[in-house]
Structures are given as C-alpha cells and as structure tokens.
Amino acid sequence: MRRIPMLALFAVVMLLSACNDGSRFTAESWRQADPLERHVFVNDLISRRVLIGKPRREVDMMLGGGYRQADYTTWNIGADPKSGRQQTLRVDFSKDVAVRASVQRAGE
C-alpha cells in the first residue's frame, strides 16, 4: 500500500522537474554564460526573488553592467526559445534597492 503513494510522489517530482525550462541562477553561471543565452537562468532568478531587496550596487556586481536608467536597469538575455522574440531582463529600483524583476519581450 505504501508503494502507491511513493510512486505518485515520484511521478509529481519528475513532472515538476520536466516543466522547468531553465537552469539554476548563480552569479558565476550568469557571468560565464553567453549574454544571448542567459534566458535559461531568468525563470529561476525571478521565481526565487534572488535580486529583490538587494542594493543596486550588489545587483550590478551579480549581473554585470546593464543598460542603466534612473529607476531601472535592463540586460539582454537572448531570444525566447518559443517565439524567437528578443528578451531583456528588467530590474526596477526604488531608492537604489531592487523591487521588481521581469522579462520584457520585443513587440509586447
């Protein structure tokens, strides 16, 4: 009887891992990746809220130089594998602290 719940749990874990279309973000893996292939890290970076609450200086150290504006910075992350549209990671700042991270796709 215990075998069925264990098999069900295993199936759920496998299904969830198959749904993950990216790689786990680390500052080192981000810096080593081709800038146009960094889209593989973005789902993890956003879902784990890695940047939220960090000072702008620390975000810049983690991600490297981006296109800096007064209240946000963007980084090119390559094309969306499904649509082919170019994407950018946008991090919004309030008083130089990261408050939001999102993906922007060209044409949306």
PDB file of N, CA and C in Angstrom:
ATOM      1  N   MET A   1       0.809  -1.202   0.000  1.00  0.00           N
ATOM      2  CA  MET A   1       0.000   0.000   0.000  1.00  0.00           C
ATOM      3  C   MET A   1       0.852   1.265   0.000  1.00  0.00           C
ATOM      4  N   ARG A   2       1.973   1.261   0.693  1.00  0.00           N
ATOM      5  CA  ARG A   2       2.824   2.456   0.739  1.00  0.00           C
ATOM      6  C   ARG A   2       3.505   2.701  -0.591  1.00  0.00           C
ATOM      7  N   ARG A   3       3.565   1.677  -1.411  1.00  0.00           N
ATOM      8  CA  ARG A   3       4.253   1.792  -2.692  1.00  0.00           C
ATOM      9  C   ARG A   3       3.533   2.779  -3.622  1.00  0.00           C
ATOM     10  N   ILE A   4       2.212   2.788  -3.609  1.00  0.00           N
ATOM     11  CA  ILE A   4       1.450   3.671  -4.497  1.00  0.00           C
ATOM     12  C   ILE A   4       1.700   5.141  -4.172  1.00  0.00           C
ATOM     13  N   PRO A   5       1.602   5.584  -2.896  1.00  0.00           N
ATOM     14  CA  PRO A   5       1.905   6.995  -2.617  1.00  0.00           C
ATOM     15  C   PRO A   5       3.336   7.375  -2.986  1.00  0.00           C
ATOM     16  N   MET A   6       4.283   6.473  -2.778  1.00  0.00           N
ATOM     17  CA  MET A   6       5.675   6.774  -3.140  1.00  0.00           C
ATOM     18  C   MET A   6       5.817   6.935  -4.649  1.00  0.00           C
ATOM     19  N   LEU A   7       5.136   6.075  -5.408  1.00  0.00           N
ATOM     20  CA  LEU A   7       5.190   6.189  -6.867  1.00  0.00           C
ATOM     21  C   LEU A   7       4.521   7.483  -7.331  1.00  0.00           C
ATOM     22  N   ALA A   8       3.424   7.850  -6.693  1.00  0.00           N
ATOM     23  CA  ALA A   8       2.745   9.096  -7.043  1.00  0.00           C
ATOM     24  C   ALA A   8       3.641  10.294  -6.752  1.00  0.00           C
ATOM     25  N   LEU A   9       4.298  10.290  -5.605  1.00  0.00           N
ATOM     26  CA  LEU A   9       5.213  11.373  -5.253  1.00  0.00           C
ATOM     27  C   LEU A   9       6.357  11.457  -6.255  1.00  0.00           C
ATOM     28  N   PHE A  10       6.915  10.324  -6.621  1.00  0.00           N
ATOM     29  CA  PHE A  10       8.000  10.286  -7.596  1.00  0.00           C
ATOM     30  C   PHE A  10       7.529  10.864  -8.933  1.00  0.00           C
ATOM     31  N   ALA A  11       6.310  10.502  -9.353  1.00  0.00           N
ATOM     32  CA  ALA A  11       5.773  10.995 -10.621  1.00  0.00           C
ATOM     33  C   ALA A  11       5.602  12.513 -10.593  1.00  0.00           C
ATOM     34  N   VAL A  12       5.125  13.050  -9.478  1.00  0.00           N
ATOM     35  CA  VAL A  12       4.947  14.500  -9.347  1.00  0.00           C
ATOM     36  C   VAL A  12       6.294  15.211  -9.418  1.00  0.00           C
ATOM     37  N   VAL A  13       7.282  14.699  -8.717  1.00  0.00           N
ATOM     38  CA  VAL A  13       8.621  15.303  -8.734  1.00  0.00           C
ATOM     39  C   VAL A  13       9.192  15.291 -10.147  1.00  0.00           C
ATOM     40  N   MET A  14       9.048  14.189 -10.844  1.00  0.00           N
ATOM     41  CA  MET A  14       9.565  14.099 -12.216  1.00  0.00           C
ATOM     42  C   MET A  14       8.833  15.077 -13.139  1.00  0.00           C
ATOM     43  N   LEU A  15       7.525  15.190 -12.965  1.00  0.00           N
ATOM     44  CA  LEU A  15       6.748  16.108 -13.788  1.00  0.00           C
ATOM     45  C   LEU A  15       7.172  17.549 -13.553  1.00  0.00           C
ATOM     46  N   LEU A  16       7.334  17.925 -12.301  1.00  0.00           N
ATOM     47  CA  LEU A  16       7.756  19.288 -11.984  1.00  0.00           C
ATOM     48  C   LEU A  16       9.140  19.590 -12.527  1.00  0.00           C
ATOM     49  N   SER A  17      10.045  18.651 -12.433  1.00  0.00           N
ATOM     50  CA  SER A  17      11.396  18.900 -12.946  1.00  0.00           C
ATOM     51  C   SER A  17      11.396  18.994 -14.464  1.00  0.00           C
ATOM     52  N   ALA A  18      10.499  18.279 -15.116  1.00  0.00           N
ATOM     53  CA  ALA A  18      10.412  18.354 -16.575  1.00  0.00           C
ATOM     54  C   ALA A  18       9.851  19.693 -17.032  1.00  0.00           C
ATOM     55  N   CYS A  19       9.035  20.325 -16.194  1.00  0.00           N
ATOM     56  CA  CYS A  19       8.440  21.615 -16.550  1.00  0.00           C
ATOM     57  C   CYS A  19       9.434  22.760 -16.448  1.00  0.00           C
ATOM     58  N   ASN A  20      10.510  22.572 -15.743  1.00  0.00           N
ATOM     59  CA  ASN A  20      11.497  23.627 -15.579  1.00  0.00           C
ATOM     60  C   ASN A  20      12.284  23.764 -16.872  1.00  0.00           C
ATOM     61  N   ASP A  21      12.142  24.903 -17.554  1.00  0.00           N
ATOM     62  CA  ASP A  21      12.825  25.091 -18.828  1.00  0.00           C
ATOM     63  C   ASP A  21      14.111  25.890 -18.678  1.00  0.00           C
ATOM     64  N   GLY A  22      14.635  25.976 -17.487  1.00  0.00           N
ATOM     65  CA  GLY A  22      15.829  26.771 -17.287  1.00  0.00           C
ATOM     66  C   GLY A  22      16.831  26.121 -16.368  1.00  0.00           C
ATOM     67  N   SER A  23      17.828  26.891 -16.058  1.00  0.00           N
ATOM     68  CA  SER A  23      18.904  26.458 -15.179  1.00  0.00           C
ATOM     69  C   SER A  23      18.871  27.281 -13.907  1.00  0.00           C
ATOM     70  N   ARG A  24      19.466  26.739 -12.875  1.00  0.00           N
ATOM     71  CA  ARG A  24      19.525  27.448 -11.598  1.00  0.00           C
ATOM     72  C   ARG A  24      20.490  28.627 -11.727  1.00  0.00           C
ATOM     73  N   PHE A  25      20.038  29.798 -11.282  1.00  0.00           N
ATOM     74  CA  PHE A  25      20.849  31.008 -11.358  1.00  0.00           C
ATOM     75  C   PHE A  25      21.899  31.027 -10.262  1.00  0.00           C
ATOM     76  N   THR A  26      23.114  31.337 -10.648  1.00  0.00           N
ATOM     77  CA  THR A  26      24.165  31.783  -9.737  1.00  0.00           C
ATOM     78  C   THR A  26      24.864  32.929 -10.455  1.00  0.00           C
ATOM     79  N   ALA A  27      25.425  33.837  -9.696  1.00  0.00           N
ATOM     80  CA  ALA A  27      26.131  34.961 -10.315  1.00  0.00           C
ATOM     81  C   ALA A  27      27.259  34.450 -11.208  1.00  0.00           C
ATOM     82  N   GLU A  28      27.937  33.406 -10.764  1.00  0.00           N
ATOM     83  CA  GLU A  28      29.046  32.856 -11.549  1.00  0.00           C
ATOM     84  C   GLU A  28      28.555  32.260 -12.867  1.00  0.00           C
ATOM     85  N   SER A  29      27.475  31.473 -12.823  1.00  0.00           N
ATOM     86  CA  SER A  29      26.964  30.870 -14.059  1.00  0.00           C
ATOM     87  C   SER A  29      26.453  31.944 -15.017  1.00  0.00           C
ATOM     88  N   TRP A  30      25.847  32.996 -14.475  1.00  0.00           N
ATOM     89  CA  TRP A  30      25.371  34.114 -15.299  1.00  0.00           C
ATOM     90  C   TRP A  30      26.544  34.774 -16.013  1.00  0.00           C
ATOM     91  N   ARG A  31      27.612  35.076 -15.280  1.00  0.00           N
ATOM     92  CA  ARG A  31      28.765  35.766 -15.871  1.00  0.00           C
ATOM     93  C   ARG A  31      29.471  34.895 -16.903  1.00  0.00           C
ATOM     94  N   GLN A  32      29.471  33.583 -16.710  1.00  0.00           N
ATOM     95  CA  GLN A  32      30.160  32.688 -17.635  1.00  0.00           C
ATOM     96  C   GLN A  32      29.355  32.405 -18.899  1.00  0.00           C
ATOM     97  N   ALA A  33      28.048  32.626 -18.838  1.00  0.00           N
ATOM     98  CA  ALA A  33      27.191  32.324 -19.986  1.00  0.00           C
ATOM     99  C   ALA A  33      27.303  33.403 -21.057  1.00  0.00           C
ATOM    100  N   ASP A  34      27.116  32.990 -22.291  1.00  0.00           N
ATOM    101  CA  ASP A  34      26.998  33.944 -23.387  1.00  0.00           C
ATOM    102  C   ASP A  34      25.810  34.857 -23.071  1.00  0.00           C
ATOM    103  N   PRO A  35      25.974  36.174 -23.176  1.00  0.00           N
ATOM    104  CA  PRO A  35      24.869  37.078 -22.838  1.00  0.00           C
ATOM    105  C   PRO A  35      23.559  36.757 -23.559  1.00  0.00           C
ATOM    106  N   LEU A  36      23.634  36.234 -24.766  1.00  0.00           N
ATOM    107  CA  LEU A  36      22.418  35.922 -25.508  1.00  0.00           C
ATOM    108  C   LEU A  36      21.848  34.548 -25.165  1.00  0.00           C
ATOM    109  N   GLU A  37      22.445  33.863 -24.217  1.00  0.00           N
ATOM    110  CA  GLU A  37      21.932  32.573 -23.745  1.00  0.00           C
ATOM    111  C   GLU A  37      21.508  32.639 -22.282  1.00  0.00           C
ATOM    112  N   ARG A  38      21.512  33.812 -21.704  1.00  0.00           N
ATOM    113  CA  ARG A  38      21.208  33.948 -20.275  1.00  0.00           C
ATOM    114  C   ARG A  38      19.730  33.755 -19.952  1.00  0.00           C
ATOM    115  N   HIS A  39      18.895  33.690 -20.976  1.00  0.00           N
ATOM    116  CA  HIS A  39      17.464  33.484 -20.741  1.00  0.00           C
ATOM    117  C   HIS A  39      17.194  32.204 -19.962  1.00  0.00           C
ATOM    118  N   VAL A  40      18.117  31.231 -20.009  1.00  0.00           N
ATOM    119  CA  VAL A  40      17.900  29.964 -19.293  1.00  0.00           C
ATOM    120  C   VAL A  40      17.894  30.147 -17.778  1.00  0.00           C
ATOM    121  N   PHE A  41      18.434  31.240 -17.278  1.00  0.00           N
ATOM    122  CA  PHE A  41      18.505  31.472 -15.831  1.00  0.00           C
ATOM    123  C   PHE A  41      17.351  32.321 -15.295  1.00  0.00           C
ATOM    124  N   VAL A  42      16.622  32.973 -16.183  1.00  0.00           N
ATOM    125  CA  VAL A  42      15.693  34.012 -15.749  1.00  0.00           C
ATOM    126  C   VAL A  42      14.518  33.482 -14.929  1.00  0.00           C
ATOM    127  N   ASN A  43      13.933  32.357 -15.313  1.00  0.00           N
ATOM    128  CA  ASN A  43      12.803  31.828 -14.532  1.00  0.00           C
ATOM    129  C   ASN A  43      13.215  31.574 -13.090  1.00  0.00           C
ATOM    130  N   ASP A  44      14.380  30.988 -12.897  1.00  0.00           N
ATOM    131  CA  ASP A  44      14.865  30.712 -11.545  1.00  0.00           C
ATOM    132  C   ASP A  44      15.164  32.011 -10.803  1.00  0.00           C
ATOM    133  N   LEU A  45      15.814  32.922 -11.464  1.00  0.00           N
ATOM    134  CA  LEU A  45      16.179  34.207 -10.859  1.00  0.00           C
ATOM    135  C   LEU A  45      14.939  34.960 -10.371  1.00  0.00           C
ATOM    136  N   ILE A  46      13.894  34.956 -11.181  1.00  0.00           N
ATOM    137  CA  ILE A  46      12.665  35.669 -10.816  1.00  0.00           C
ATOM    138  C   ILE A  46      11.863  34.895  -9.775  1.00  0.00           C
ATOM    139  N   SER A  47      11.680  33.594  -9.968  1.00  0.00           N
ATOM    140  CA  SER A  47      10.828  32.830  -9.041  1.00  0.00           C
ATOM    141  C   SER A  47      11.413  32.760  -7.637  1.00  0.00           C
ATOM    142  N   ARG A  48      12.725  32.729  -7.526  1.00  0.00           N
ATOM    143  CA  ARG A  48      13.354  32.698  -6.193  1.00  0.00           C
ATOM    144  C   ARG A  48      13.570  34.101  -5.628  1.00  0.00           C
ATOM    145  N   ARG A  49      13.212  35.132  -6.403  1.00  0.00           N
ATOM    146  CA  ARG A  49      13.337  36.532  -5.959  1.00  0.00           C
ATOM    147  C   ARG A  49      14.767  36.840  -5.494  1.00  0.00           C
ATOM    148  N   VAL A  50      15.725  36.355  -6.269  1.00  0.00           N
ATOM    149  CA  VAL A  50      17.143  36.474  -5.919  1.00  0.00           C
ATOM    150  C   VAL A  50      17.580  37.927  -5.760  1.00  0.00           C
ATOM    151  N   LEU A  51      17.076  38.802  -6.596  1.00  0.00           N
ATOM    152  CA  LEU A  51      17.553  40.190  -6.615  1.00  0.00           C
ATOM    153  C   LEU A  51      16.758  41.127  -5.713  1.00  0.00           C
ATOM    154  N   ILE A  52      15.545  40.749  -5.367  1.00  0.00           N
ATOM    155  CA  ILE A  52      14.643  41.638  -4.634  1.00  0.00           C
ATOM    156  C   ILE A  52      15.217  41.973  -3.257  1.00  0.00           C
ATOM    157  N   GLY A  53      15.254  43.283  -2.968  1.00  0.00           N
ATOM    158  CA  GLY A  53      15.775  43.762  -1.690  1.00  0.00           C
ATOM    159  C   GLY A  53      17.270  44.034  -1.689  1.00  0.00           C
ATOM    160  N   LYS A  54      17.937  43.711  -2.796  1.00  0.00           N
ATOM    161  CA  LYS A  54      19.385  43.941  -2.863  1.00  0.00           C
ATOM    162  C   LYS A  54      19.665  45.358  -3.369  1.00  0.00           C
ATOM    163  N   PRO A  55      20.734  45.975  -2.855  1.00  0.00           N
ATOM    164  CA  PRO A  55      21.128  47.296  -3.359  1.00  0.00           C
ATOM    165  C   PRO A  55      21.544  47.208  -4.831  1.00  0.00           C
ATOM    166  N   ARG A  56      21.356  48.285  -5.547  1.00  0.00           N
ATOM    167  CA  ARG A  56      21.694  48.325  -6.975  1.00  0.00           C
ATOM    168  C   ARG A  56      23.148  47.923  -7.214  1.00  0.00           C
ATOM    169  N   ARG A  57      24.025  48.371  -6.362  1.00  0.00           N
ATOM    170  CA  ARG A  57      25.446  48.044  -6.490  1.00  0.00           C
ATOM    171  C   ARG A  57      25.657  46.526  -6.465  1.00  0.00           C
ATOM    172  N   GLU A  58      24.954  45.835  -5.570  1.00  0.00           N
ATOM    173  CA  GLU A  58      25.091  44.384  -5.468  1.00  0.00           C
ATOM    174  C   GLU A  58      24.493  43.682  -6.689  1.00  0.00           C
ATOM    175  N   VAL A  59      23.359  44.179  -7.180  1.00  0.00           N
ATOM    176  CA  VAL A  59      22.756  43.614  -8.391  1.00  0.00           C
ATOM    177  C   VAL A  59      23.723  43.770  -9.560  1.00  0.00           C
ATOM    178  N   ASP A  60      24.334  44.949  -9.686  1.00  0.00           N
ATOM    179  CA  ASP A  60      25.312  45.177 -10.754  1.00  0.00           C
ATOM    180  C   ASP A  60      26.501  44.231 -10.630  1.00  0.00           C
ATOM    181  N   MET A  61      26.933  43.954  -9.415  1.00  0.00           N
ATOM    182  CA  MET A  61      28.048  43.023  -9.216  1.00  0.00           C
ATOM    183  C   MET A  61      27.640  41.604  -9.612  1.00  0.00           C
ATOM    184  N   MET A  62      26.404  41.226  -9.328  1.00  0.00           N
ATOM    185  CA  MET A  62      25.932  39.881  -9.655  1.00  0.00           C
ATOM    186  C   MET A  62      25.729  39.689 -11.153  1.00  0.00           C
ATOM    187  N   LEU A  63      25.150  40.699 -11.822  1.00  0.00           N
ATOM    188  CA  LEU A  63      24.756  40.550 -13.222  1.00  0.00           C
ATOM    189  C   LEU A  63      25.689  41.231 -14.206  1.00  0.00           C
ATOM    190  N   GLY A  64      26.604  42.049 -13.716  1.00  0.00           N
ATOM    191  CA  GLY A  64      27.467  42.803 -14.615  1.00  0.00           C
ATOM    192  C   GLY A  64      26.747  44.044 -15.107  1.00  0.00           C
ATOM    193  N   GLY A  65      27.424  44.795 -15.926  1.00  0.00           N
ATOM    194  CA  GLY A  65      26.854  46.045 -16.416  1.00  0.00           C
ATOM    195  C   GLY A  65      25.675  45.816 -17.337  1.00  0.00           C
ATOM    196  N   GLY A  66      24.641  46.581 -17.131  1.00  0.00           N
ATOM    197  CA  GLY A  66      23.464  46.541 -17.993  1.00  0.00           C
ATOM    198  C   GLY A  66      23.233  47.915 -18.583  1.00  0.00           C
ATOM    199  N   TYR A  67      22.036  48.132 -19.113  1.00  0.00           N
ATOM    200  CA  TYR A  67      21.651  49.431 -19.654  1.00  0.00           C
ATOM    201  C   TYR A  67      20.925  50.172 -18.544  1.00  0.00           C
ATOM    202  N   ARG A  68      21.649  51.038 -17.873  1.00  0.00           N
ATOM    203  CA  ARG A  68      21.161  51.675 -16.648  1.00  0.00           C
ATOM    204  C   ARG A  68      20.354  52.933 -16.942  1.00  0.00           C
ATOM    205  N   GLN A  69      19.182  53.000 -16.340  1.00  0.00           N
ATOM    206  CA  GLN A  69      18.318  54.175 -16.368  1.00  0.00           C
ATOM    207  C   GLN A  69      18.158  54.648 -14.925  1.00  0.00           C
ATOM    208  N   ALA A  70      17.447  55.740 -14.723  1.00  0.00           N
ATOM    209  CA  ALA A  70      17.320  56.304 -13.372  1.00  0.00           C
ATOM    210  C   ALA A  70      16.701  55.327 -12.381  1.00  0.00           C
ATOM    211  N   ASP A  71      15.630  54.630 -12.793  1.00  0.00           N
ATOM    212  CA  ASP A  71      14.936  53.765 -11.833  1.00  0.00           C
ATOM    213  C   ASP A  71      14.859  52.302 -12.255  1.00  0.00           C
ATOM    214  N   TYR A  72      15.600  51.919 -13.286  1.00  0.00           N
ATOM    215  CA  TYR A  72      15.668  50.507 -13.681  1.00  0.00           C
ATOM    216  C   TYR A  72      16.928  50.257 -14.501  1.00  0.00           C
ATOM    217  N   THR A  73      17.272  48.980 -14.617  1.00  0.00           N
ATOM    218  CA  THR A  73      18.376  48.545 -15.471  1.00  0.00           C
ATOM    219  C   THR A  73      17.895  47.335 -16.251  1.00  0.00           C
ATOM    220  N   THR A  74      18.338  47.211 -17.513  1.00  0.00           N
ATOM    221  CA  THR A  74      17.987  46.050 -18.327  1.00  0.00           C
ATOM    222  C   THR A  74      19.248  45.338 -18.797  1.00  0.00           C
ATOM    223  N   TRP A  75      19.092  44.037 -19.039  1.00  0.00           N
ATOM    224  CA  TRP A  75      20.160  43.197 -19.570  1.00  0.00           C
ATOM    225  C   TRP A  75      19.587  42.388 -20.721  1.00  0.00           C
ATOM    226  N   ASN A  76      20.296  42.339 -21.854  1.00  0.00           N
ATOM    227  CA  ASN A  76      19.896  41.460 -22.954  1.00  0.00           C
ATOM    228  C   ASN A  76      20.081  40.021 -22.500  1.00  0.00           C
ATOM    229  N   ILE A  77      19.082  39.189 -22.781  1.00  0.00           N
ATOM    230  CA  ILE A  77      19.176  37.781 -22.373  1.00  0.00           C
ATOM    231  C   ILE A  77      18.921  36.833 -23.537  1.00  0.00           C
ATOM    232  N   GLY A  78      18.910  37.347 -24.756  1.00  0.00           N
ATOM    233  CA  GLY A  78      18.733  36.491 -25.920  1.00  0.00           C
ATOM    234  C   GLY A  78      17.281  36.332 -26.315  1.00  0.00           C
ATOM    235  N   ALA A  79      17.064  35.456 -27.276  1.00  0.00           N
ATOM    236  CA  ALA A  79      15.726  35.252 -27.829  1.00  0.00           C
ATOM    237  C   ALA A  79      14.939  34.237 -27.015  1.00  0.00           C
ATOM    238  N   ASP A  80      13.636  34.463 -26.941  1.00  0.00           N
ATOM    239  CA  ASP A  80      12.723  33.499 -26.333  1.00  0.00           C
ATOM    240  C   ASP A  80      12.749  32.244 -27.204  1.00  0.00           C
ATOM    241  N   PRO A  81      13.050  31.077 -26.636  1.00  0.00           N
ATOM    242  CA  PRO A  81      13.143  29.858 -27.442  1.00  0.00           C
ATOM    243  C   PRO A  81      11.835  29.499 -28.155  1.00  0.00           C
ATOM    244  N   LYS A  82      10.706  29.901 -27.608  1.00  0.00           N
ATOM    245  CA  LYS A  82       9.411  29.540 -28.203  1.00  0.00           C
ATOM    246  C   LYS A  82       8.990  30.508 -29.301  1.00  0.00           C
ATOM    247  N   SER A  83       9.139  31.807 -29.056  1.00  0.00           N
ATOM    248  CA  SER A  83       8.650  32.802 -30.017  1.00  0.00           C
ATOM    249  C   SER A  83       9.747  33.371 -30.913  1.00  0.00           C
ATOM    250  N   GLY A  84      10.988  33.269 -30.482  1.00  0.00           N
ATOM    251  CA  GLY A  84      12.089  33.858 -31.234  1.00  0.00           C
ATOM    252  C   GLY A  84      12.266  35.347 -30.987  1.00  0.00           C
ATOM    253  N   ARG A  85      11.402  35.936 -30.168  1.00  0.00           N
ATOM    254  CA  ARG A  85      11.499  37.370 -29.870  1.00  0.00           C
ATOM    255  C   ARG A  85      12.652  37.648 -28.921  1.00  0.00           C
ATOM    256  N   GLN A  86      13.328  38.767 -29.166  1.00  0.00           N
ATOM    257  CA  GLN A  86      14.400  39.185 -28.265  1.00  0.00           C
ATOM    258  C   GLN A  86      13.820  39.535 -26.899  1.00  0.00           C
ATOM    259  N   GLN A  87      14.585  39.241 -25.861  1.00  0.00           N
ATOM    260  CA  GLN A  87      14.136  39.467 -24.494  1.00  0.00           C
ATOM    261  C   GLN A  87      15.163  40.277 -23.721  1.00  0.00           C
ATOM    262  N   THR A  88      14.678  40.975 -22.716  1.00  0.00           N
ATOM    263  CA  THR A  88      15.557  41.632 -21.759  1.00  0.00           C
ATOM    264  C   THR A  88      15.055  41.335 -20.358  1.00  0.00           C
ATOM    265  N   LEU A  89      15.995  41.255 -19.435  1.00  0.00           N
ATOM    266  CA  LEU A  89      15.670  41.199 -18.019  1.00  0.00           C
ATOM    267  C   LEU A  89      15.639  42.639 -17.543  1.00  0.00           C
ATOM    268  N   ARG A  90      14.552  43.026 -16.905  1.00  0.00           N
ATOM    269  CA  ARG A  90      14.427  44.382 -16.366  1.00  0.00           C
ATOM    270  C   ARG A  90      14.320  44.285 -14.854  1.00  0.00           C
ATOM    271  N   VAL A  91      15.164  45.060 -14.166  1.00  0.00           N
ATOM    272  CA  VAL A  91      15.106  45.140 -12.711  1.00  0.00           C
ATOM    273  C   VAL A  91      14.778  46.583 -12.350  1.00  0.00           C
ATOM    274  N   ASP A  92      13.656  46.749 -11.646  1.00  0.00           N
ATOM    275  CA  ASP A  92      13.219  48.073 -11.197  1.00  0.00           C
ATOM    276  C   ASP A  92      13.760  48.341  -9.805  1.00  0.00           C
ATOM    277  N   PHE A  93      14.145  49.599  -9.578  1.00  0.00           N
ATOM    278  CA  PHE A  93      14.723  50.007  -8.301  1.00  0.00           C
ATOM    279  C   PHE A  93      13.919  51.144  -7.690  1.00  0.00           C
ATOM    280  N   SER A  94      13.813  51.131  -6.381  1.00  0.00           N
ATOM    281  CA  SER A  94      13.253  52.237  -5.622  1.00  0.00           C
ATOM    282  C   SER A  94      14.285  52.600  -4.567  1.00  0.00           C
ATOM    283  N   LYS A  95      14.753  53.836  -4.616  1.00  0.00           N
ATOM    284  CA  LYS A  95      15.815  54.286  -3.710  1.00  0.00           C
ATOM    285  C   LYS A  95      17.028  53.356  -3.787  1.00  0.00           C
ATOM    286  N   ASP A  96      17.371  52.957  -5.022  1.00  0.00           N
ATOM    287  CA  ASP A  96      18.522  52.095  -5.317  1.00  0.00           C
ATOM    288  C   ASP A  96      18.452  50.718  -4.667  1.00  0.00           C
ATOM    289  N   VAL A  97      17.247  50.212  -4.432  1.00  0.00           N
ATOM    290  CA  VAL A  97      17.034  48.844  -3.945  1.00  0.00           C
ATOM    291  C   VAL A  97      16.112  48.146  -4.945  1.00  0.00           C
ATOM    292  N   ALA A  98      16.473  46.921  -5.347  1.00  0.00           N
ATOM    293  CA  ALA A  98      15.666  46.170  -6.318  1.00  0.00           C
ATOM    294  C   ALA A  98      14.300  45.829  -5.737  1.00  0.00           C
ATOM    295  N   VAL A  99      13.250  46.189  -6.477  1.00  0.00           N
ATOM    296  CA  VAL A  99      11.884  45.928  -6.012  1.00  0.00           C
ATOM    297  C   VAL A  99      11.104  45.019  -6.958  1.00  0.00           C
ATOM    298  N   ARG A 100      11.605  44.832  -8.184  1.00  0.00           N
ATOM    299  CA  ARG A 100      10.882  44.003  -9.146  1.00  0.00           C
ATOM    300  C   ARG A 100      11.844  43.536 -10.224  1.00  0.00           C
ATOM    301  N   ALA A 101      11.691  42.286 -10.638  1.00  0.00           N
ATOM    302  CA  ALA A 101      12.443  41.744 -11.768  1.00  0.00           C
ATOM    303  C   ALA A 101      11.439  41.123 -12.729  1.00  0.00           C
ATOM    304  N   SER A 102      11.598  41.408 -14.012  1.00  0.00           N
ATOM    305  CA  SER A 102      10.655  40.888 -15.002  1.00  0.00           C
ATOM    306  C   SER A 102      11.355  40.714 -16.343  1.00  0.00           C
ATOM    307  N   VAL A 103      10.709  39.945 -17.214  1.00  0.00           N
ATOM    308  CA  VAL A 103      11.209  39.740 -18.567  1.00  0.00           C
ATOM    309  C   VAL A 103      10.355  40.562 -19.515  1.00  0.00           C
ATOM    310  N   GLN A 104      11.022  41.267 -20.416  1.00  0.00           N
ATOM    311  CA  GLN A 104      10.326  42.017 -21.457  1.00  0.00           C
ATOM    312  C   GLN A 104      10.694  41.404 -22.797  1.00  0.00           C
ATOM    313  N   ARG A 105       9.679  41.160 -23.617  1.00  0.00           N
ATOM    314  CA  ARG A 105       9.899  40.591 -24.943  1.00  0.00           C
ATOM    315  C   ARG A 105       9.613  41.659 -25.994  1.00  0.00           C
ATOM    316  N   ALA A 106      10.446  41.710 -27.015  1.00  0.00           N
ATOM    317  CA  ALA A 106      10.270  42.688 -28.092  1.00  0.00           C
ATOM    318  C   ALA A 106       8.899  42.502 -28.732  1.00  0.00           C
ATOM    319  N   GLY A 107       8.225  43.610 -28.976  1.00  0.00           N
ATOM    320  CA  GLY A 107       6.932  43.562 -29.635  1.00  0.00           C
ATOM    321  C   GLY A 107       5.755  43.340 -28.711  1.00  0.00           C
ATOM    322  N   GLU A 108       5.988  43.268 -27.423  1.00  0.00           N
ATOM    323  CA  GLU A 108       4.867  43.079 -26.476  1.00  0.00           C
ATOM    324  C   GLU A 108       4.601  44.352 -25.728  1.00  0.00           C
TER     325      GLU A 108
END
